[in-house]
Amino acid sequence: SGAATGSGGIPDFRRANQTDLTDPYSIQWNLTIERELGFRTGLRLTYTGSKTRNLIHSPDLNQVAPNTTGYTAAVAATRPYPNFNAVLTRDNGPSAKYHAFTAEITRRFSGGIGFQNSWTWSKNLSDTMGPASPGY
């Protein structure tokens, strides 16, 4: 942790780590089904998933409360720590989920020539943007 100069000469409190910060963990799984379709053609269907918990993020604890007047000097003075521009910490909390489905078809021709085609649909959901927000 330490102070850096923020906007208008007001210092930033850049990082404070939680004393009970834990390592993130991830669970992964998959299921594959393969089927011979005849005519030297095969089909493979695969589902892959993962879930990650306790990701580390860096929230700014010195945010201005929601208001209807915008950011003014009077509103800025209502921040929890008015002597600092930003007060950043590292906490556990965010999570992520990943799901993917792949369909693959393979065809073998005579003479050692083959054809393979696959299609993948995937979705990655997370409620964090990484250990530090843009600009920090």
N, C-alpha and C. Protein backbone atom coordinates (compact mmCIF):
# COMPACT_ATOMS: atom_id res chain seq x y z
N SER A 1 0.84 -1.18 0.00
CA SER A 1 0.00 0.00 0.00
C SER A 1 0.88 1.24 0.00
N GLY A 2 0.32 2.32 -0.45
CA GLY A 2 1.06 3.56 -0.50
C GLY A 2 0.22 4.63 -1.12
N ALA A 3 0.74 5.83 -1.13
CA ALA A 3 -0.01 6.96 -1.67
C ALA A 3 0.62 7.41 -2.97
N ALA A 4 -0.20 7.77 -3.89
CA ALA A 4 0.24 8.36 -5.15
C ALA A 4 -0.60 9.61 -5.37
N THR A 5 -0.11 10.50 -6.19
CA THR A 5 -0.85 11.73 -6.42
C THR A 5 -2.00 11.47 -7.37
N GLY A 6 -3.21 11.83 -6.96
CA GLY A 6 -4.40 11.68 -7.80
C GLY A 6 -4.73 12.99 -8.46
N SER A 7 -5.96 13.14 -8.87
CA SER A 7 -6.38 14.36 -9.55
C SER A 7 -6.42 15.53 -8.56
N GLY A 8 -5.99 16.67 -8.99
CA GLY A 8 -6.04 17.88 -8.18
C GLY A 8 -5.09 17.86 -7.00
N GLY A 9 -4.04 17.04 -7.05
CA GLY A 9 -3.07 17.01 -5.96
C GLY A 9 -3.54 16.21 -4.75
N ILE A 10 -4.71 15.57 -4.83
CA ILE A 10 -5.20 14.75 -3.72
C ILE A 10 -4.58 13.36 -3.86
N PRO A 11 -4.01 12.82 -2.78
CA PRO A 11 -3.34 11.52 -2.90
C PRO A 11 -4.34 10.37 -3.08
N ASP A 12 -3.85 9.30 -3.69
CA ASP A 12 -4.59 8.05 -3.82
C ASP A 12 -4.04 7.07 -2.79
N PHE A 13 -4.90 6.27 -2.23
CA PHE A 13 -4.45 5.14 -1.42
C PHE A 13 -4.60 3.95 -2.34
N ARG A 14 -3.48 3.50 -2.93
CA ARG A 14 -3.53 2.59 -4.07
C ARG A 14 -3.95 1.17 -3.74
N ARG A 15 -3.44 0.51 -2.74
CA ARG A 15 -3.80 -0.88 -2.50
C ARG A 15 -3.75 -1.21 -1.01
N ALA A 16 -4.80 -1.87 -0.58
CA ALA A 16 -4.84 -2.47 0.75
C ALA A 16 -5.32 -3.90 0.57
N ASN A 17 -4.57 -4.86 1.04
CA ASN A 17 -4.95 -6.26 0.88
C ASN A 17 -5.72 -6.75 2.10
N GLN A 18 -6.74 -7.53 1.85
CA GLN A 18 -7.49 -8.15 2.93
C GLN A 18 -6.58 -9.13 3.66
N THR A 19 -6.69 -9.21 4.97
CA THR A 19 -5.87 -10.16 5.73
C THR A 19 -6.35 -11.59 5.52
N ASP A 20 -7.60 -11.77 5.13
CA ASP A 20 -8.13 -13.12 4.92
C ASP A 20 -8.31 -13.43 3.42
N LEU A 21 -7.51 -12.79 2.57
CA LEU A 21 -7.58 -13.01 1.13
C LEU A 21 -7.24 -14.47 0.82
N THR A 22 -8.07 -15.12 0.00
CA THR A 22 -7.83 -16.52 -0.34
C THR A 22 -7.56 -16.67 -1.83
N ASP A 23 -6.95 -17.78 -2.20
CA ASP A 23 -6.69 -18.06 -3.61
C ASP A 23 -7.99 -18.42 -4.32
N PRO A 24 -8.17 -17.92 -5.54
CA PRO A 24 -9.33 -18.34 -6.32
C PRO A 24 -9.22 -19.83 -6.65
N TYR A 25 -10.36 -20.47 -6.89
CA TYR A 25 -10.33 -21.87 -7.30
C TYR A 25 -11.30 -22.10 -8.44
N SER A 26 -11.00 -23.13 -9.21
CA SER A 26 -11.78 -23.42 -10.41
C SER A 26 -12.12 -24.91 -10.45
N ILE A 27 -13.33 -25.21 -10.87
CA ILE A 27 -13.79 -26.58 -11.07
C ILE A 27 -14.11 -26.71 -12.55
N GLN A 28 -13.61 -27.76 -13.18
CA GLN A 28 -13.82 -27.96 -14.61
C GLN A 28 -14.40 -29.34 -14.85
N TRP A 29 -15.21 -29.48 -15.90
CA TRP A 29 -15.79 -30.77 -16.25
C TRP A 29 -16.07 -30.81 -17.74
N ASN A 30 -16.21 -32.02 -18.27
CA ASN A 30 -16.59 -32.17 -19.68
C ASN A 30 -17.24 -33.52 -19.89
N LEU A 31 -17.96 -33.63 -20.97
CA LEU A 31 -18.64 -34.85 -21.38
C LEU A 31 -18.54 -34.94 -22.89
N THR A 32 -18.09 -36.10 -23.39
CA THR A 32 -17.96 -36.30 -24.83
C THR A 32 -18.72 -37.57 -25.22
N ILE A 33 -19.48 -37.47 -26.29
CA ILE A 33 -20.18 -38.62 -26.87
C ILE A 33 -19.71 -38.75 -28.31
N GLU A 34 -19.27 -39.96 -28.67
CA GLU A 34 -18.82 -40.23 -30.03
C GLU A 34 -19.71 -41.32 -30.63
N ARG A 35 -19.98 -41.16 -31.94
CA ARG A 35 -20.86 -42.12 -32.62
C ARG A 35 -20.37 -42.33 -34.04
N GLU A 36 -20.28 -43.58 -34.45
CA GLU A 36 -19.96 -43.91 -35.84
C GLU A 36 -21.26 -43.84 -36.62
N LEU A 37 -21.31 -43.04 -37.69
CA LEU A 37 -22.52 -42.84 -38.47
C LEU A 37 -22.59 -43.76 -39.69
N GLY A 38 -21.55 -44.49 -39.95
CA GLY A 38 -21.49 -45.33 -41.15
C GLY A 38 -20.81 -44.57 -42.27
N PHE A 39 -20.49 -45.28 -43.35
CA PHE A 39 -19.82 -44.67 -44.51
C PHE A 39 -18.53 -43.97 -44.11
N ARG A 40 -17.79 -44.56 -43.10
CA ARG A 40 -16.53 -44.01 -42.60
C ARG A 40 -16.68 -42.57 -42.08
N THR A 41 -17.83 -42.30 -41.49
CA THR A 41 -18.13 -40.97 -40.95
C THR A 41 -18.38 -41.08 -39.46
N GLY A 42 -17.78 -40.18 -38.68
CA GLY A 42 -17.97 -40.17 -37.23
C GLY A 42 -18.45 -38.81 -36.74
N LEU A 43 -19.18 -38.83 -35.63
CA LEU A 43 -19.71 -37.61 -35.01
C LEU A 43 -19.24 -37.57 -33.56
N ARG A 44 -18.78 -36.42 -33.13
CA ARG A 44 -18.36 -36.22 -31.74
C ARG A 44 -19.06 -34.97 -31.21
N LEU A 45 -19.73 -35.11 -30.06
CA LEU A 45 -20.38 -33.99 -29.38
C LEU A 45 -19.73 -33.83 -28.02
N THR A 46 -19.30 -32.62 -27.70
CA THR A 46 -18.58 -32.37 -26.44
C THR A 46 -19.16 -31.16 -25.73
N TYR A 47 -19.41 -31.32 -24.45
CA TYR A 47 -19.78 -30.20 -23.58
C TYR A 47 -18.63 -29.99 -22.61
N THR A 48 -18.21 -28.75 -22.44
CA THR A 48 -17.16 -28.39 -21.50
C THR A 48 -17.66 -27.26 -20.63
N GLY A 49 -17.41 -27.35 -19.34
CA GLY A 49 -17.84 -26.29 -18.43
C GLY A 49 -16.82 -26.06 -17.34
N SER A 50 -16.89 -24.88 -16.76
CA SER A 50 -16.05 -24.58 -15.59
C SER A 50 -16.73 -23.51 -14.75
N LYS A 51 -16.38 -23.50 -13.50
CA LYS A 51 -16.89 -22.51 -12.56
C LYS A 51 -15.72 -22.06 -11.70
N THR A 52 -15.51 -20.76 -11.60
CA THR A 52 -14.41 -20.20 -10.82
C THR A 52 -14.99 -19.31 -9.73
N ARG A 53 -14.50 -19.48 -8.52
CA ARG A 53 -14.97 -18.73 -7.36
C ARG A 53 -13.82 -17.95 -6.72
N ASN A 54 -14.19 -16.95 -5.95
CA ASN A 54 -13.25 -16.13 -5.17
C ASN A 54 -12.19 -15.44 -6.02
N LEU A 55 -12.58 -14.98 -7.20
CA LEU A 55 -11.65 -14.18 -8.00
C LEU A 55 -11.31 -12.91 -7.23
N ILE A 56 -10.18 -12.33 -7.55
CA ILE A 56 -9.72 -11.14 -6.84
C ILE A 56 -10.07 -9.91 -7.67
N HIS A 57 -10.65 -8.94 -7.03
CA HIS A 57 -10.95 -7.67 -7.69
C HIS A 57 -10.46 -6.53 -6.82
N SER A 58 -10.48 -5.34 -7.37
CA SER A 58 -9.92 -4.18 -6.69
C SER A 58 -10.93 -3.03 -6.70
N PRO A 59 -11.92 -3.08 -5.83
CA PRO A 59 -12.91 -2.00 -5.81
C PRO A 59 -12.35 -0.71 -5.20
N ASP A 60 -12.91 0.39 -5.64
CA ASP A 60 -12.57 1.70 -5.05
C ASP A 60 -13.58 1.94 -3.94
N LEU A 61 -13.11 1.97 -2.69
CA LEU A 61 -13.99 2.17 -1.54
C LEU A 61 -14.37 3.62 -1.33
N ASN A 62 -13.85 4.51 -2.16
CA ASN A 62 -14.08 5.94 -1.98
C ASN A 62 -14.99 6.52 -3.07
N GLN A 63 -16.01 5.80 -3.44
CA GLN A 63 -16.93 6.25 -4.47
C GLN A 63 -17.92 7.28 -3.92
N VAL A 64 -18.27 8.20 -4.77
CA VAL A 64 -19.31 9.17 -4.43
C VAL A 64 -20.65 8.43 -4.45
N ALA A 65 -21.49 8.71 -3.49
CA ALA A 65 -22.81 8.08 -3.44
C ALA A 65 -23.65 8.51 -4.64
N PRO A 66 -24.54 7.65 -5.12
CA PRO A 66 -25.41 8.03 -6.24
C PRO A 66 -26.18 9.31 -5.89
N ASN A 67 -26.28 10.21 -6.88
CA ASN A 67 -26.96 11.48 -6.64
C ASN A 67 -27.53 11.98 -7.96
N THR A 68 -28.29 13.05 -7.89
CA THR A 68 -28.90 13.63 -9.08
C THR A 68 -28.24 14.93 -9.51
N THR A 69 -27.19 15.38 -8.78
CA THR A 69 -26.56 16.66 -9.10
C THR A 69 -25.25 16.51 -9.86
N GLY A 70 -24.75 15.28 -9.98
CA GLY A 70 -23.48 15.09 -10.67
C GLY A 70 -22.31 15.22 -9.72
N TYR A 71 -21.12 15.28 -10.28
CA TYR A 71 -19.91 15.33 -9.48
C TYR A 71 -19.50 16.79 -9.30
N THR A 72 -19.74 17.31 -8.14
CA THR A 72 -19.35 18.68 -7.80
C THR A 72 -18.44 18.63 -6.58
N ALA A 73 -17.83 19.76 -6.23
CA ALA A 73 -16.95 19.80 -5.06
C ALA A 73 -17.71 19.44 -3.79
N ALA A 74 -18.96 19.90 -3.69
CA ALA A 74 -19.77 19.60 -2.50
C ALA A 74 -20.08 18.11 -2.44
N VAL A 75 -20.39 17.51 -3.58
CA VAL A 75 -20.68 16.08 -3.61
C VAL A 75 -19.42 15.28 -3.33
N ALA A 76 -18.27 15.70 -3.90
CA ALA A 76 -17.01 15.00 -3.68
C ALA A 76 -16.63 14.98 -2.20
N ALA A 77 -17.00 16.01 -1.46
CA ALA A 77 -16.69 16.07 -0.03
C ALA A 77 -17.47 15.03 0.77
N THR A 78 -18.50 14.43 0.18
CA THR A 78 -19.28 13.42 0.89
C THR A 78 -18.71 12.01 0.74
N ARG A 79 -17.58 11.88 0.02
CA ARG A 79 -16.96 10.57 -0.11
C ARG A 79 -16.57 10.05 1.28
N PRO A 80 -16.52 8.71 1.45
CA PRO A 80 -16.17 8.16 2.77
C PRO A 80 -14.80 8.62 3.27
N TYR A 81 -13.84 8.81 2.36
CA TYR A 81 -12.49 9.25 2.73
C TYR A 81 -12.16 10.50 1.92
N PRO A 82 -12.66 11.66 2.32
CA PRO A 82 -12.52 12.86 1.49
C PRO A 82 -11.08 13.34 1.30
N ASN A 83 -10.14 12.89 2.11
CA ASN A 83 -8.75 13.31 1.96
C ASN A 83 -7.99 12.51 0.91
N PHE A 84 -8.67 11.52 0.30
CA PHE A 84 -8.05 10.70 -0.74
C PHE A 84 -8.90 10.74 -2.00
N ASN A 85 -8.23 10.65 -3.14
CA ASN A 85 -8.93 10.59 -4.42
C ASN A 85 -9.53 9.20 -4.63
N ALA A 86 -8.73 8.15 -4.38
CA ALA A 86 -9.17 6.77 -4.55
C ALA A 86 -8.61 5.94 -3.40
N VAL A 87 -9.41 5.02 -2.92
CA VAL A 87 -8.98 4.08 -1.89
C VAL A 87 -9.28 2.69 -2.43
N LEU A 88 -8.22 2.02 -2.89
CA LEU A 88 -8.39 0.73 -3.54
C LEU A 88 -7.99 -0.40 -2.60
N THR A 89 -8.70 -1.50 -2.70
CA THR A 89 -8.42 -2.67 -1.90
C THR A 89 -8.42 -3.90 -2.80
N ARG A 90 -7.93 -5.00 -2.31
CA ARG A 90 -8.02 -6.27 -3.03
C ARG A 90 -8.87 -7.20 -2.20
N ASP A 91 -9.94 -7.69 -2.80
CA ASP A 91 -10.90 -8.54 -2.12
C ASP A 91 -11.22 -9.76 -2.96
N ASN A 92 -11.70 -10.80 -2.30
CA ASN A 92 -12.29 -11.94 -3.00
C ASN A 92 -13.75 -11.63 -3.27
N GLY A 93 -14.33 -12.35 -4.20
CA GLY A 93 -15.76 -12.17 -4.39
C GLY A 93 -16.27 -12.54 -5.76
N PRO A 94 -15.75 -11.95 -6.82
CA PRO A 94 -16.32 -12.22 -8.14
C PRO A 94 -16.17 -13.69 -8.54
N SER A 95 -17.00 -14.09 -9.48
CA SER A 95 -16.96 -15.46 -9.97
C SER A 95 -17.08 -15.46 -11.48
N ALA A 96 -16.86 -16.62 -12.08
CA ALA A 96 -16.96 -16.76 -13.53
C ALA A 96 -17.51 -18.15 -13.85
N LYS A 97 -18.25 -18.23 -14.95
CA LYS A 97 -18.78 -19.50 -15.45
C LYS A 97 -18.47 -19.58 -16.94
N TYR A 98 -18.12 -20.77 -17.39
CA TYR A 98 -17.82 -20.99 -18.81
C TYR A 98 -18.55 -22.24 -19.27
N HIS A 99 -19.23 -22.13 -20.40
CA HIS A 99 -19.93 -23.25 -21.01
C HIS A 99 -19.57 -23.28 -22.49
N ALA A 100 -19.31 -24.49 -23.01
CA ALA A 100 -19.01 -24.63 -24.43
C ALA A 100 -19.59 -25.95 -24.94
N PHE A 101 -20.09 -25.92 -26.16
CA PHE A 101 -20.59 -27.11 -26.84
C PHE A 101 -19.91 -27.18 -28.20
N THR A 102 -19.31 -28.33 -28.49
CA THR A 102 -18.63 -28.52 -29.77
C THR A 102 -19.23 -29.72 -30.50
N ALA A 103 -19.55 -29.52 -31.77
CA ALA A 103 -20.00 -30.61 -32.64
C ALA A 103 -18.92 -30.79 -33.70
N GLU A 104 -18.50 -32.03 -33.90
CA GLU A 104 -17.42 -32.32 -34.84
C GLU A 104 -17.81 -33.52 -35.70
N ILE A 105 -17.60 -33.41 -36.99
CA ILE A 105 -17.86 -34.52 -37.90
C ILE A 105 -16.58 -34.82 -38.67
N THR A 106 -16.28 -36.11 -38.81
CA THR A 106 -15.07 -36.55 -39.49
C THR A 106 -15.45 -37.59 -40.55
N ARG A 107 -14.86 -37.48 -41.71
CA ARG A 107 -15.11 -38.44 -42.79
C ARG A 107 -13.77 -38.86 -43.38
N ARG A 108 -13.57 -40.16 -43.46
CA ARG A 108 -12.34 -40.71 -44.03
C ARG A 108 -12.65 -41.20 -45.45
N PHE A 109 -11.84 -40.79 -46.40
CA PHE A 109 -11.98 -41.23 -47.79
C PHE A 109 -10.87 -42.24 -48.11
N SER A 110 -10.99 -42.88 -49.21
CA SER A 110 -9.96 -43.83 -49.62
C SER A 110 -8.69 -43.07 -49.99
N GLY A 111 -7.58 -43.72 -49.92
CA GLY A 111 -6.31 -43.09 -50.28
C GLY A 111 -5.74 -42.24 -49.15
N GLY A 112 -6.28 -42.34 -47.93
CA GLY A 112 -5.74 -41.61 -46.79
C GLY A 112 -6.21 -40.17 -46.67
N ILE A 113 -7.12 -39.75 -47.50
CA ILE A 113 -7.63 -38.37 -47.42
C ILE A 113 -8.79 -38.34 -46.43
N GLY A 114 -8.86 -37.27 -45.68
CA GLY A 114 -9.93 -37.14 -44.70
C GLY A 114 -10.51 -35.73 -44.70
N PHE A 115 -11.68 -35.62 -44.10
CA PHE A 115 -12.38 -34.34 -43.97
C PHE A 115 -12.83 -34.22 -42.53
N GLN A 116 -12.60 -33.05 -41.95
CA GLN A 116 -13.03 -32.82 -40.58
C GLN A 116 -13.61 -31.41 -40.50
N ASN A 117 -14.74 -31.29 -39.86
CA ASN A 117 -15.38 -29.99 -39.69
C ASN A 117 -15.92 -29.92 -38.26
N SER A 118 -15.78 -28.76 -37.61
CA SER A 118 -16.30 -28.62 -36.25
C SER A 118 -16.90 -27.23 -36.08
N TRP A 119 -17.79 -27.15 -35.12
CA TRP A 119 -18.47 -25.91 -34.78
C TRP A 119 -18.52 -25.83 -33.26
N THR A 120 -18.19 -24.67 -32.70
CA THR A 120 -18.20 -24.49 -31.25
C THR A 120 -19.02 -23.28 -30.87
N TRP A 121 -19.87 -23.48 -29.89
CA TRP A 121 -20.62 -22.38 -29.26
C TRP A 121 -20.10 -22.28 -27.84
N SER A 122 -19.74 -21.08 -27.40
CA SER A 122 -19.25 -20.92 -26.04
C SER A 122 -19.80 -19.64 -25.43
N LYS A 123 -19.82 -19.65 -24.11
CA LYS A 123 -20.33 -18.50 -23.36
C LYS A 123 -19.51 -18.39 -22.08
N ASN A 124 -18.98 -17.20 -21.83
CA ASN A 124 -18.19 -16.94 -20.63
C ASN A 124 -18.85 -15.80 -19.87
N LEU A 125 -19.26 -16.06 -18.65
CA LEU A 125 -19.93 -15.05 -17.83
C LEU A 125 -19.09 -14.76 -16.60
N SER A 126 -18.90 -13.48 -16.30
CA SER A 126 -18.13 -13.09 -15.13
C SER A 126 -18.65 -11.77 -14.60
N ASP A 127 -18.52 -11.57 -13.31
CA ASP A 127 -18.93 -10.30 -12.72
C ASP A 127 -17.73 -9.47 -12.24
N THR A 128 -16.60 -9.63 -12.94
CA THR A 128 -15.42 -8.83 -12.66
C THR A 128 -14.66 -8.56 -13.95
N MET A 129 -13.83 -7.52 -13.93
CA MET A 129 -13.04 -7.20 -15.11
C MET A 129 -11.56 -7.46 -14.85
N GLY A 130 -11.21 -8.09 -13.75
CA GLY A 130 -9.82 -8.36 -13.45
C GLY A 130 -9.42 -7.75 -12.13
N PRO A 131 -8.15 -7.84 -11.76
CA PRO A 131 -7.72 -7.35 -10.46
C PRO A 131 -7.76 -5.84 -10.32
N ALA A 132 -7.78 -5.09 -11.40
CA ALA A 132 -7.83 -3.63 -11.31
C ALA A 132 -8.75 -3.11 -12.41
N SER A 133 -9.55 -2.14 -12.04
CA SER A 133 -10.43 -1.52 -13.03
C SER A 133 -9.62 -0.72 -14.03
N PRO A 134 -10.16 -0.47 -15.23
CA PRO A 134 -9.44 0.35 -16.20
C PRO A 134 -9.06 1.71 -15.60
N GLY A 135 -7.86 2.12 -15.87
CA GLY A 135 -7.41 3.42 -15.40
C GLY A 135 -6.69 3.38 -14.06
N TYR A 136 -6.64 2.24 -13.40
CA TYR A 136 -5.96 2.16 -12.11
C TYR A 136 -4.75 1.30 -12.21
